[in-house]
Every structure is written in structure tokens, then in C-alpha cells.
Protein backbone atom coordinates (compact mmCIF):
# COMPACT_ATOMS: atom_id res chain seq x y z
CA MET A 1 3.43 55.58 11.94
CA ILE A 2 2.70 57.95 9.04
CA SER A 3 5.88 59.07 7.32
CA ASN A 4 6.95 62.68 7.07
CA PHE A 5 6.89 62.32 3.28
CA TYR A 6 3.23 61.25 3.39
CA GLU A 7 2.31 64.21 5.62
CA ARG A 8 4.16 66.75 3.50
CA LYS A 9 3.59 65.50 -0.05
CA ILE A 10 0.65 63.12 -0.20
CA LEU A 11 -1.76 64.16 2.56
CA PRO A 12 -2.20 67.78 1.34
CA ARG A 13 -3.14 66.59 -2.14
CA LEU A 14 -5.41 63.86 -0.76
CA CYS A 15 -7.23 66.36 1.47
CA ASN A 16 -7.51 68.88 -1.36
CA CYS A 17 -9.04 66.24 -3.62
CA CYS A 18 -11.51 64.78 -1.09
CA CYS A 19 -12.60 68.14 0.33
CA GLY A 20 -13.09 69.58 -3.14
CA LEU A 21 -15.66 67.02 -4.32
CA GLY A 22 -18.90 68.30 -5.81
CA PRO A 23 -21.30 67.78 -2.86
CA ILE A 24 -18.84 69.44 -0.47
CA GLU A 25 -18.33 72.33 -2.88
CA LYS A 26 -22.11 72.85 -2.84
CA GLN A 27 -21.99 73.11 0.96
CA ARG A 28 -19.22 75.70 0.80
CA GLU A 29 -21.27 77.67 -1.72
CA LYS A 30 -24.16 77.80 0.77
CA ILE A 31 -22.31 79.18 3.78
CA VAL A 32 -19.07 80.95 2.85
CA PRO A 33 -20.79 84.00 1.26
CA ASN A 34 -22.34 84.74 4.68
CA ALA A 35 -18.94 85.73 6.09
CA LYS A 36 -18.60 89.48 6.72
CA GLY A 37 -16.09 92.02 7.99
CA VAL A 38 -12.85 90.73 9.42
CA VAL A 39 -12.98 86.98 8.89
CA LEU A 40 -10.94 84.34 10.67
CA GLU A 41 -11.04 81.07 8.78
CA ILE A 42 -10.06 78.17 11.02
CA GLY A 43 -8.24 75.42 9.16
CA ILE A 44 -8.00 77.26 5.86
CA GLY A 45 -5.99 74.35 4.50
CA THR A 46 -5.59 74.54 0.74
CA GLY A 47 -7.97 77.48 0.40
CA LEU A 48 -11.00 75.68 -0.99
CA ASN A 49 -13.36 78.27 0.51
CA LEU A 50 -11.67 81.26 -1.09
CA PRO A 51 -13.61 81.30 -4.39
CA PHE A 52 -16.91 81.48 -2.49
CA TYR A 53 -16.32 84.62 -0.40
CA ASN A 54 -18.39 87.69 -1.22
CA LYS A 55 -15.51 90.13 -1.47
CA ASN A 56 -17.85 93.11 -1.23
CA ASN A 57 -18.76 92.11 2.33
CA VAL A 58 -15.30 91.13 3.58
CA SER A 59 -12.67 93.61 4.75
CA LYS A 60 -9.97 91.10 5.69
CA ILE A 61 -9.41 87.34 5.65
CA ILE A 62 -7.11 85.71 8.18
CA GLY A 63 -6.42 82.07 7.46
CA LEU A 64 -5.29 79.89 10.35
CA ASP A 65 -3.70 76.50 9.77
CA PRO A 66 -0.76 74.67 11.37
CA SER A 67 0.28 73.09 8.06
CA GLU A 68 2.55 75.18 5.85
CA SER A 69 2.34 72.43 3.23
CA LEU A 70 -1.41 72.96 2.94
CA THR A 71 -1.29 76.75 2.98
CA GLU A 72 1.08 76.79 0.01
CA PHE A 73 -1.99 75.74 -1.98
CA ALA A 74 -4.05 78.46 -0.24
CA LYS A 75 -1.63 81.16 -1.38
CA VAL A 76 -2.08 80.06 -4.98
CA ALA A 77 -5.87 79.93 -4.58
CA ALA A 78 -5.93 83.46 -3.11
CA LYS A 79 -4.00 84.86 -6.08
CA LYS A 80 -6.40 83.20 -8.53
CA VAL A 81 -9.43 84.94 -7.01
CA ASP A 82 -7.57 88.18 -6.16
CA ILE A 83 -8.01 87.98 -2.37
CA ASP A 84 -5.51 89.38 0.12
CA LEU A 85 -4.87 86.61 2.60
CA GLU A 86 -3.07 86.83 5.93
CA LEU A 87 -1.86 83.47 7.23
CA ILE A 88 -1.25 82.34 10.79
CA HIS A 89 0.60 79.04 11.05
CA THR A 90 -0.68 77.65 14.32
CA GLY A 91 -3.41 75.43 15.68
CA ALA A 92 -6.75 76.77 16.89
CA GLU A 93 -5.77 75.93 20.46
CA ASP A 94 -3.70 79.12 20.66
CA ILE A 95 -4.87 81.88 18.31
CA ASN A 96 -2.52 84.85 18.16
CA LEU A 97 -5.24 87.51 17.92
CA GLU A 98 -6.70 89.97 20.39
CA ASN A 99 -9.95 89.42 22.25
CA ASP A 100 -13.12 90.42 20.36
CA SER A 101 -11.17 91.19 17.19
CA VAL A 102 -13.00 89.35 14.38
CA ASP A 103 -16.51 89.74 12.98
CA THR A 104 -16.86 86.24 11.56
CA VAL A 105 -15.25 82.93 12.35
CA LEU A 106 -15.65 80.51 9.47
CA ILE A 107 -14.95 76.85 10.06
CA THR A 108 -15.56 74.14 7.46
CA TYR A 109 -14.59 70.49 7.71
CA THR A 110 -12.10 71.28 10.46
CA LEU A 111 -13.78 70.62 13.81
CA CYS A 112 -13.37 66.96 12.89
CA THR A 113 -9.58 67.24 13.00
CA ILE A 114 -8.69 69.67 15.81
CA PRO A 115 -6.94 67.69 18.59
CA ASP A 116 -7.93 69.79 21.64
CA ILE A 117 -11.45 70.69 20.63
CA GLU A 118 -12.52 72.29 23.94
CA LYS A 119 -9.56 74.65 24.11
CA SER A 120 -9.95 75.54 20.44
CA ILE A 121 -13.63 76.42 20.74
CA SER A 122 -12.78 78.54 23.77
CA GLU A 123 -10.16 80.42 21.73
CA ILE A 124 -12.60 80.91 18.87
CA LYS A 125 -15.09 82.37 21.30
CA ARG A 126 -12.42 84.68 22.77
CA VAL A 127 -11.45 86.29 19.47
CA LEU A 128 -15.01 86.61 18.13
CA LYS A 129 -16.79 89.92 18.74
CA ASN A 130 -19.90 89.88 20.93
CA ASP A 131 -22.07 90.64 17.91
CA GLY A 132 -20.04 88.39 15.60
CA ASN A 133 -21.00 85.12 13.94
CA LEU A 134 -19.57 81.64 14.02
CA ILE A 135 -20.39 80.08 10.65
CA PHE A 136 -19.80 76.35 10.32
CA CYS A 137 -20.19 73.40 7.99
CA GLU A 138 -18.92 70.04 9.21
CA HIS A 139 -19.33 66.33 8.73
CA GLY A 140 -19.99 64.37 11.89
CA LYS A 141 -21.86 61.76 13.83
CA SER A 142 -24.90 60.31 12.10
CA PRO A 143 -28.22 60.17 14.00
CA ASP A 144 -28.67 56.66 12.59
CA LYS A 145 -27.36 54.25 15.25
CA HIS A 146 -26.19 51.70 12.68
CA ILE A 147 -24.22 54.29 10.70
CA ALA A 148 -22.85 55.80 13.94
CA ASN A 149 -21.54 52.37 14.97
CA ILE A 150 -19.81 52.01 11.60
CA GLN A 151 -18.28 55.47 12.07
CA SER A 152 -16.90 54.55 15.48
CA PHE A 153 -15.46 51.31 14.11
CA ILE A 154 -13.75 52.96 11.14
CA ASN A 155 -12.66 56.12 12.94
CA PRO A 156 -9.22 55.03 14.29
CA LEU A 157 -7.97 53.94 10.85
CA TRP A 158 -9.64 56.89 9.14
CA GLY A 159 -7.78 59.28 11.41
CA ILE A 160 -4.43 57.74 10.55
CA ILE A 161 -5.03 58.02 6.81
CA PHE A 162 -6.62 61.48 6.84
CA GLY A 163 -4.38 63.42 9.18
CA GLY A 164 -6.34 63.07 12.42
CA CYS A 165 -9.84 63.53 10.95
CA ASN A 166 -12.67 62.11 13.06
CA ILE A 167 -15.90 61.07 11.36
CA ASN A 168 -17.93 60.58 14.55
CA ARG A 169 -17.86 63.91 16.40
CA ASP A 170 -21.15 65.36 17.61
CA ILE A 171 -20.86 68.80 16.02
CA PRO A 172 -23.92 70.54 17.55
CA LYS A 173 -22.94 69.31 21.02
CA ILE A 174 -19.37 70.60 20.61
CA ILE A 175 -20.66 74.06 19.72
CA GLN A 176 -23.32 74.19 22.42
CA ASP A 177 -21.01 72.83 25.11
CA ALA A 178 -18.89 75.95 24.52
CA HIS A 179 -21.99 78.03 25.35
CA PHE A 180 -22.53 79.26 21.83
CA GLU A 181 -26.17 79.89 20.95
CA LEU A 182 -27.17 78.25 17.69
CA ASP A 183 -28.94 80.74 15.39
CA SER A 184 -29.59 78.15 12.74
CA ILE A 185 -28.63 74.58 11.98
CA GLU A 186 -29.41 72.23 9.12
CA GLN A 187 -28.35 68.65 8.63
CA MET A 188 -28.51 65.89 6.04
CA TYR A 189 -26.57 63.17 4.28
CA LEU A 190 -24.69 64.61 1.33
CA PRO A 191 -25.79 63.12 -1.99
CA ASN A 192 -23.49 60.68 -3.76
CA THR A 193 -21.37 60.36 -0.60
CA PRO A 194 -20.88 57.30 1.64
CA LYS A 195 -23.16 57.71 4.66
CA PHE A 196 -20.41 57.01 7.18
CA VAL A 197 -18.58 60.18 6.09
CA GLY A 198 -21.42 62.14 4.54
CA TYR A 199 -23.61 63.35 7.40
CA ASN A 200 -23.34 67.15 7.39
CA TYR A 201 -24.24 69.90 9.84
CA TRP A 202 -24.19 73.56 8.84
CA GLY A 203 -25.42 76.83 10.27
CA SER A 204 -24.41 79.75 12.46
CA ALA A 205 -24.04 80.58 16.15
CA LYS A 206 -23.40 83.55 18.44
CA LYS A 207 -21.62 84.04 21.77
């Protein structure tokens, strides 16, 4: 059992460190500037995406995350880059926003952690406008069977250490099973990253 102290004091800093590594920062730099209009960022966490937004194209950023410990970091990050940030402290399974109310849903390195993935994707689809974009960048299941087997073996312990993170989710399938239409998708192993945690998918999708 992970202690409350670990979850409040250690895990946020561990996640901030791991998710802020150079290869992951490069991925954020690729996709975050594509966000436009009213943006809902799912799992904003410590705010690592905030420096990469194109503020000229964004009218509002709503950051959703159940962890107030993580979003304390996000508040600091928002001030550093002069971004107005509205926070919603809840999981993606129940998003307190109206139907068809956001232009962009941005989700990075979060689909791996959401407990009820089907309900969450359904909620994301509900709040996204019909002409809106789902922009994503995630690590997930490797197409290499050997690496995928290693991922499945490590996954239970990995989840305990990293706050419920799963390293073996099939990201394209999750998105398509929710009847999103993929506009674009790219995938590769991140450089200088262990293969079992470094297979990345990124792209965009529409309702």
C-alpha cells in the first residue's frame, strides 16, 4: 500500500521529473502548439505543457486533474509563462462542463493512468465540439511482441510506483473504440529512453 505521504509529497515530484525529460519535452513541443480556442487539458498535472501553448491561438485553458498536489505546481508554471489557468479538480470520468463546449481537448501522458478509460473517453467526446480536435501524445503498447511482453510483466509494479500509470495500453485502439476518427497518427520509440516505457503515439482525432 502506497502511503499518503508518498502520494502527496514524493509522487508529484517524481512525475514532474520523469515527464519533464528531454525526449518527452520534444514531444510536447510538437503537439501542444496545435491547441486552439477553448482548450481542455486532461491531466494537466504539474503544468509541463504550459510553456508550449501558442497563446495567440488560445482563448482559454481549462486544466483538469484530480490531484491538488500536482496542480499546485501547475499554478506556479502558469504564472511563469503568464497564462490564465482555470482548474477543475476531478477525474476525466465526470467532467463538469457543458456538451460541445471546448474547441480542443489536449491529452498528454495521461491516457495511461485514467482508471475508467471508456467512461473518460466518452466524457471527452461529450464536451468536445463537433468541429473540435482531440490532440494526444501518449506512451503505450509496443508493436514489438518481446517488448510488449516485458511491458505486461512490469506493468503491475510500475503502476504502484507511478500512481496508476500503465505502460501497455493500446492507445490507437482506445481512441478508435470511442468512435473518434484519427486525422493523423505517428509513432516511434523515443530516443535515449528504455523501450518498455518509450513507445510513443501522437496525433489528432475528430468526433
